[in-house]
Amino acid sequence: MMKEEDLPRNVYYGDGSPIEDSVMQYLNELYRQNAVSFSWRERDVLMLNNMMVAHSRNPFVGERKIVVALGNLVRKEMLGTDVTEVGHPHR
């Protein structure tokens, strides 16, 4: 029904050639070995840097509330400056 490149779980190298199943199995195992998991408790908050980590969630039952905040990319040398100088979107 769909072209292979339109399937949701296809992965490709930068040159457009498909990544071999054996390579994906290896990478998936590395993700599993390095995964951090914990039991959530009411009022828990998770903050992460989307540029530094891969993230996902395990299946769950119950209600949840998702709140997302996005910020400007900041270089290390910009830290400690007046916040109005750091990539303000309206300047």
Protein backbone atom coordinates (compact mmCIF):
# COMPACT_ATOMS: atom_id res chain seq x y z
CA MET A 1 0.00 0.00 0.00
CA MET A 2 2.96 2.34 0.64
CA LYS A 3 6.37 2.85 -0.87
CA GLU A 4 9.21 1.56 1.32
CA GLU A 5 10.59 5.07 1.89
CA ASP A 6 7.20 6.22 3.23
CA LEU A 7 7.04 3.57 5.96
CA PRO A 8 7.42 5.05 9.46
CA ARG A 9 10.35 2.91 10.63
CA ASN A 10 12.75 3.02 7.69
CA VAL A 11 16.25 4.32 8.35
CA TYR A 12 18.85 5.49 5.86
CA TYR A 13 22.48 6.55 5.75
CA GLY A 14 23.23 10.14 4.76
CA ASP A 15 23.68 9.06 1.13
CA GLY A 16 20.13 7.65 1.05
CA SER A 17 21.08 3.97 1.06
CA PRO A 18 19.19 1.79 3.58
CA ILE A 19 20.87 0.92 6.87
CA GLU A 20 21.26 -2.85 7.11
CA ASP A 21 19.06 -4.77 9.56
CA SER A 22 22.15 -6.11 11.35
CA VAL A 23 23.39 -2.55 11.98
CA MET A 24 19.96 -1.51 13.31
CA GLN A 25 19.86 -4.55 15.59
CA TYR A 26 23.29 -3.58 16.95
CA LEU A 27 22.22 0.05 17.49
CA ASN A 28 18.95 -1.02 19.15
CA GLU A 29 20.93 -3.24 21.53
CA LEU A 30 23.23 -0.31 22.37
CA TYR A 31 20.16 1.82 23.15
CA ARG A 32 18.80 -0.92 25.44
CA GLN A 33 22.14 -1.28 27.24
CA ASN A 34 22.39 2.47 27.86
CA ALA A 35 18.75 3.15 28.67
CA VAL A 36 17.81 4.71 31.99
CA SER A 37 14.39 3.84 33.34
CA PHE A 38 12.61 4.64 36.58
CA SER A 39 9.22 4.36 38.22
CA TRP A 40 7.23 7.58 37.98
CA ARG A 41 5.51 8.96 41.05
CA GLU A 42 2.82 11.60 41.23
CA ARG A 43 4.20 15.12 40.61
CA ASP A 44 7.49 13.83 39.14
CA VAL A 45 9.06 16.15 36.57
CA LEU A 46 11.55 15.16 33.89
CA MET A 47 13.72 17.79 32.23
CA LEU A 48 16.09 16.89 29.42
CA ASN A 49 18.14 18.47 26.71
CA ASN A 50 16.62 17.27 23.44
CA MET A 51 19.92 17.88 21.64
CA MET A 52 21.93 15.72 24.07
CA VAL A 53 19.79 12.62 24.58
CA ALA A 54 17.58 10.22 22.71
CA HIS A 55 14.31 9.76 24.56
CA SER A 56 11.11 7.81 24.43
CA ARG A 57 8.63 6.32 26.81
CA ASN A 58 7.56 2.85 27.81
CA PRO A 59 3.89 1.82 27.64
CA PHE A 60 1.81 2.85 30.65
CA VAL A 61 -1.73 2.84 32.00
CA GLY A 62 -3.41 5.89 33.48
CA GLU A 63 -3.59 9.60 32.97
CA ARG A 64 -0.64 11.80 32.22
CA LYS A 65 -0.04 15.47 31.60
CA ILE A 66 2.61 16.60 29.16
CA VAL A 67 3.97 20.13 29.35
CA VAL A 68 6.65 21.18 26.89
CA ALA A 69 8.87 24.23 26.99
CA LEU A 70 11.30 25.10 24.21
CA GLY A 71 14.22 27.45 24.52
CA ASN A 72 16.74 29.09 22.26
CA LEU A 73 20.01 27.32 21.53
CA VAL A 74 22.68 28.94 23.70
CA ARG A 75 26.44 28.66 23.29
CA LYS A 76 28.60 28.09 26.37
CA GLU A 77 30.28 31.48 26.02
CA MET A 78 26.88 33.20 26.19
CA LEU A 79 26.16 31.96 29.72
CA GLY A 80 26.33 34.61 32.40
CA THR A 81 25.26 37.43 30.08
CA ASP A 82 22.10 39.47 30.47
CA VAL A 83 19.20 37.26 29.38
CA THR A 84 17.91 39.94 26.99
CA GLU A 85 21.16 39.57 25.01
CA VAL A 86 20.83 35.78 24.54
CA GLY A 87 18.94 35.10 21.33
CA HIS A 88 15.75 36.97 22.23
CA PRO A 89 13.29 36.17 19.39
CA HIS A 90 11.95 39.73 19.20
CA ARG A 91 15.26 41.54 18.84
